[in-house]
Amino acid sequence: MNPTTEARQVLERLVVYVREMVEQYGALFDGHTTMTNLEKEPILFFDIDTLSQLDREVFQCQLFSALTIIWSHGLKNGRKQKTLKEQGKIDMDDWQHFMVFIDECHNIINADNLMAVKYVTDFQREMRKFRAGVFFATQSPAEVLPESANNKAIDEVKKVFSFCQYKLLLNLDNSMMGTMRDVLGDTITETEMMSLTRLKQGEALVQVAPNETYTVSFTPTDQQLERFAGGA
C-alpha cells in the first residue's frame, strides 16, 4: 500500500519531533534518573524554572511527565496506606499522607495551559479519597487569568480554586481586584475582597469554609526568617 501525501507529511513531522527530542533535548527526554526507587523518596522536587524558558511544547511535555509521576505515586501511596489501615497494621495517626506543593503556580495553572489545569482539577477530585492534597502559591493572579482569557478558560481555572478547602489571601493591589474576583468567584464576599487592599505586612485573610473567614496576623521567628532568606 502506497502512503498518501498526507500520511507522508505526518510521518515526516513525527521524524522531526523525535529527532529534536533525542538530539536537541536529549538530556530531558533520553536521560536516566539518579533515583533507583521514587517510592522510597520522602520528598521529590521538580525544578521547572529552567523548563519554563524552553519552547512551550517542550515545557508542556515535561510538565505532563511530572504530573503523571505525581498522580501515579499519589495513587500508590493512598492504596498502600488504605490497605495497611484495613489490615489493622496502622491507625489514622500513622497514615502517611501525600502532599503536592506547587509554588509560583501561575506558571502551571493559567488560562493558556488548560491541559495542566484539567489534570490538576482531576487530581483534586480523585485524590481526596486517598488522603492526598495540593497546596498552591502565587503572587501573580494576573498571570493565572490574563485579560485575553475566554469564558471557557476562566471557568476551568476557577474550578482549581473552588476545590481548595482552605485559602490564605495576602495584601492585594487595587489593580488586581477584577482578576481576583474572576479567580475566586463566589467563594469570597465583596467585603472580604475589599479588605485585601488594606492588609498590612504579616496580616492575611484565611478562609476555612465558604462562610467562615478570619483576619489573622503572622509573626515569623528569627529561624524562619533566616531559613527563607527573605524569599531569595
Protein backbone atom coordinates (compact mmCIF):
# COMPACT_ATOMS: atom_id res chain seq x y z
CA MET A 1 0.00 0.00 0.00
CA ASN A 2 1.43 3.35 -1.04
CA PRO A 3 1.20 6.03 1.64
CA THR A 4 -0.80 9.11 0.77
CA THR A 5 0.76 12.54 0.62
CA GLU A 6 -0.92 13.42 3.91
CA ALA A 7 0.40 10.27 5.59
CA ARG A 8 3.93 11.03 4.42
CA GLN A 9 3.68 14.55 5.80
CA VAL A 10 2.53 13.23 9.17
CA LEU A 11 5.40 10.73 9.21
CA GLU A 12 7.92 13.43 8.33
CA ARG A 13 6.66 15.63 11.16
CA LEU A 14 6.94 12.74 13.60
CA VAL A 15 10.52 12.10 12.49
CA VAL A 16 11.37 15.77 13.05
CA TYR A 17 9.78 15.73 16.52
CA VAL A 18 11.59 12.56 17.58
CA ARG A 19 14.91 13.83 16.22
CA GLU A 20 14.53 17.07 18.19
CA MET A 21 13.67 15.15 21.35
CA VAL A 22 16.73 12.90 21.03
CA GLU A 23 19.29 15.34 19.65
CA GLN A 24 18.31 18.83 20.81
CA TYR A 25 16.62 17.86 24.08
CA GLY A 26 18.27 14.52 24.72
CA ALA A 27 19.20 15.43 28.29
CA LEU A 28 15.49 15.93 29.04
CA PHE A 29 13.84 13.11 27.11
CA ASP A 30 16.56 10.46 26.86
CA GLY A 31 18.31 10.72 30.22
CA HIS A 32 18.50 8.40 33.19
CA THR A 33 17.23 9.10 36.67
CA THR A 34 19.61 9.15 39.61
CA MET A 35 16.90 7.71 41.87
CA THR A 36 16.53 3.95 41.89
CA ASN A 37 13.16 3.90 43.65
CA LEU A 38 10.98 7.01 43.80
CA GLU A 39 8.62 5.33 46.25
CA LYS A 40 11.33 5.46 48.91
CA GLU A 41 11.95 9.18 48.46
CA PRO A 42 10.03 11.20 51.10
CA ILE A 43 10.46 14.44 49.13
CA LEU A 44 10.69 14.87 45.36
CA PHE A 45 11.42 18.27 43.84
CA PHE A 46 10.67 19.20 40.22
CA ASP A 47 12.60 22.31 39.14
CA ILE A 48 10.54 23.86 36.35
CA ASP A 49 12.24 27.26 36.40
CA THR A 50 14.62 26.34 33.57
CA LEU A 51 11.97 24.36 31.72
CA SER A 52 9.65 27.35 31.59
CA GLN A 53 12.24 29.15 29.44
CA LEU A 54 12.13 26.44 26.74
CA ASP A 55 9.70 26.06 23.85
CA ARG A 56 6.10 25.81 25.03
CA GLU A 57 5.70 22.30 23.59
CA VAL A 58 8.80 21.05 25.42
CA PHE A 59 7.68 22.62 28.69
CA GLN A 60 4.21 21.10 28.44
CA CYS A 61 5.60 17.67 27.61
CA GLN A 62 7.89 17.67 30.63
CA LEU A 63 5.12 19.09 32.78
CA PHE A 64 2.81 16.27 31.69
CA SER A 65 5.50 13.74 32.64
CA ALA A 66 5.91 15.32 36.08
CA LEU A 67 2.16 15.44 36.73
CA THR A 68 1.82 11.82 35.63
CA ILE A 69 4.54 10.74 38.06
CA ILE A 70 2.88 12.70 40.86
CA TRP A 71 -0.55 11.19 40.09
CA SER A 72 0.89 7.66 39.93
CA HIS A 73 2.70 7.89 43.25
CA GLY A 74 -0.26 9.57 44.90
CA LEU A 75 -2.40 6.57 43.96
CA LYS A 76 0.23 4.05 45.05
CA ASN A 77 0.72 5.70 48.42
CA GLY A 78 -3.01 6.06 49.05
CA ARG A 79 -3.76 2.45 48.17
CA LYS A 80 -0.85 1.21 50.27
CA GLN A 81 -1.91 3.22 53.33
CA LYS A 82 -5.55 2.18 52.87
CA THR A 83 -4.59 -1.50 52.78
CA LEU A 84 -2.42 -1.16 55.89
CA LYS A 85 -5.27 0.57 57.70
CA GLU A 86 -7.80 -2.10 56.71
CA GLN A 87 -5.42 -4.83 57.86
CA GLY A 88 -5.07 -3.14 61.23
CA LYS A 89 -1.35 -2.55 60.80
CA ILE A 90 -1.64 1.23 61.20
CA ASP A 91 -4.19 3.66 62.60
CA MET A 92 -5.10 7.07 61.22
CA ASP A 93 -2.34 8.77 63.22
CA ASP A 94 0.24 6.66 61.37
CA TRP A 95 -1.23 7.24 57.89
CA GLN A 96 1.39 8.75 55.57
CA HIS A 97 -0.37 11.50 53.66
CA PHE A 98 0.64 12.60 50.17
CA MET A 99 1.04 16.32 49.54
CA VAL A 100 1.85 18.28 46.39
CA PHE A 101 3.19 21.83 46.69
CA ILE A 102 3.04 23.99 43.55
CA ASP A 103 4.91 27.22 44.13
CA GLU A 104 4.63 30.00 41.54
CA CYS A 105 1.57 28.09 40.39
CA HIS A 106 0.70 30.73 37.78
CA ASN A 107 3.41 29.09 35.63
CA ILE A 108 1.29 25.93 35.52
CA ILE A 109 -2.26 26.92 36.43
CA ASN A 110 -3.24 29.51 33.86
CA ALA A 111 -5.68 30.11 31.03
CA ASP A 112 -3.03 29.28 28.41
CA ASN A 113 -2.31 25.84 29.85
CA LEU A 114 -5.71 24.20 30.18
CA MET A 115 -4.23 20.71 29.84
CA ALA A 116 -2.45 21.13 33.16
CA VAL A 117 -5.49 22.86 34.68
CA LYS A 118 -7.69 19.87 33.80
CA TYR A 119 -5.09 17.44 35.12
CA VAL A 120 -4.83 19.28 38.43
CA THR A 121 -8.60 19.55 38.93
CA ASP A 122 -8.95 15.82 38.27
CA PHE A 123 -6.24 15.22 40.87
CA GLN A 124 -8.09 17.41 43.37
CA ARG A 125 -11.30 15.45 42.82
CA GLU A 126 -9.91 11.93 42.89
CA MET A 127 -7.11 12.15 45.44
CA ARG A 128 -9.25 13.15 48.41
CA LYS A 129 -10.26 9.56 48.96
CA PHE A 130 -6.56 8.66 49.12
CA ARG A 131 -5.84 11.46 51.60
CA ALA A 132 -3.71 13.41 49.17
CA GLY A 133 -3.86 17.17 48.76
CA VAL A 134 -2.43 20.13 46.85
CA PHE A 135 -1.05 23.47 48.03
CA PHE A 136 -0.91 26.37 45.55
CA ALA A 137 1.07 29.59 45.98
CA THR A 138 1.17 32.61 43.68
CA GLN A 139 1.70 36.33 43.93
CA SER A 140 0.52 36.95 40.39
CA PRO A 141 -3.22 36.32 39.82
CA ALA A 142 -3.00 38.38 36.63
CA GLU A 143 -0.88 35.61 35.07
CA VAL A 144 -3.36 32.96 36.17
CA LEU A 145 -6.12 34.72 34.25
CA PRO A 146 -4.74 37.19 31.70
CA GLU A 147 -7.13 39.70 30.13
CA SER A 148 -7.14 37.66 26.91
CA ALA A 149 -8.69 34.62 28.66
CA ASN A 150 -12.03 33.49 27.28
CA ASN A 151 -15.03 32.39 29.35
CA LYS A 152 -14.25 28.68 28.99
CA ALA A 153 -10.71 29.18 30.27
CA ILE A 154 -11.96 31.29 33.17
CA ASP A 155 -14.45 28.59 34.18
CA GLU A 156 -11.78 25.88 34.09
CA VAL A 157 -9.29 27.87 36.17
CA LYS A 158 -11.97 28.79 38.72
CA LYS A 159 -12.54 25.08 39.37
CA VAL A 160 -9.00 24.75 40.71
CA PHE A 161 -9.60 27.34 43.40
CA SER A 162 -13.16 26.25 44.15
CA PHE A 163 -11.76 22.82 45.07
CA CYS A 164 -9.36 24.41 47.57
CA GLN A 165 -10.88 23.96 51.02
CA TYR A 166 -8.59 26.50 52.68
CA LYS A 167 -7.48 29.83 51.22
CA LEU A 168 -4.88 32.22 52.63
CA LEU A 169 -5.02 35.64 50.96
CA LEU A 170 -2.46 38.40 51.44
CA ASN A 171 -2.42 42.08 50.52
CA LEU A 172 -3.69 42.74 47.01
CA ASP A 173 -3.27 45.80 44.84
CA ASN A 174 -6.44 47.51 43.62
CA SER A 175 -5.47 46.80 40.02
CA MET A 176 -5.73 43.06 40.70
CA MET A 177 -9.22 43.11 42.20
CA GLY A 178 -11.05 42.29 38.98
CA THR A 179 -8.82 39.32 38.22
CA MET A 180 -9.10 38.01 41.76
CA ARG A 181 -12.88 38.18 41.57
CA ASP A 182 -12.76 36.07 38.41
CA VAL A 183 -10.44 33.56 40.07
CA LEU A 184 -12.31 33.20 43.37
CA GLY A 185 -15.86 33.64 42.08
CA ASP A 186 -18.49 33.42 44.82
CA THR A 187 -16.16 31.85 47.39
CA ILE A 188 -15.43 35.26 48.95
CA THR A 189 -17.73 38.17 49.81
CA GLU A 190 -17.31 41.69 48.45
CA THR A 191 -16.48 42.99 51.94
CA GLU A 192 -13.76 40.39 52.37
CA MET A 193 -12.46 41.14 48.89
CA MET A 194 -12.15 44.86 49.60
CA SER A 195 -10.34 44.18 52.89
CA LEU A 196 -7.47 42.60 50.95
CA THR A 197 -6.24 46.02 49.84
CA ARG A 198 -5.94 47.12 53.48
CA LEU A 199 -3.97 44.18 54.83
CA LYS A 200 -0.60 45.06 56.34
CA GLN A 201 2.62 43.09 56.36
CA GLY A 202 2.11 39.92 58.38
CA GLU A 203 -1.70 40.00 58.02
CA ALA A 204 -3.81 37.65 55.95
CA LEU A 205 -7.38 36.65 55.27
CA VAL A 206 -7.85 32.95 55.99
CA GLN A 207 -10.92 31.16 54.68
CA VAL A 208 -11.61 27.75 56.22
CA ALA A 209 -15.17 27.35 54.92
CA PRO A 210 -17.47 29.23 52.49
CA ASN A 211 -18.99 31.22 55.35
CA GLU A 212 -16.07 31.18 57.77
CA THR A 213 -13.25 33.68 57.20
CA TYR A 214 -10.79 35.19 59.66
CA THR A 215 -8.28 38.02 59.58
CA VAL A 216 -5.09 36.73 61.19
CA SER A 217 -1.59 38.01 61.96
CA PHE A 218 1.62 36.03 61.50
CA THR A 219 4.84 36.68 63.40
CA PRO A 220 7.70 34.63 61.94
CA THR A 221 10.53 33.52 64.17
CA ASP A 222 14.14 34.54 63.54
CA GLN A 223 14.82 30.97 62.46
CA GLN A 224 12.04 31.10 59.87
CA LEU A 225 13.26 34.42 58.50
CA GLU A 226 16.77 33.02 58.18
CA ARG A 227 15.51 29.84 56.54
CA PHE A 228 13.60 31.66 53.82
CA ALA A 229 16.18 34.43 53.45
CA GLY A 230 13.53 36.96 52.51
CA GLY A 231 12.27 34.73 49.71
CA ALA A 232 15.59 34.89 47.83
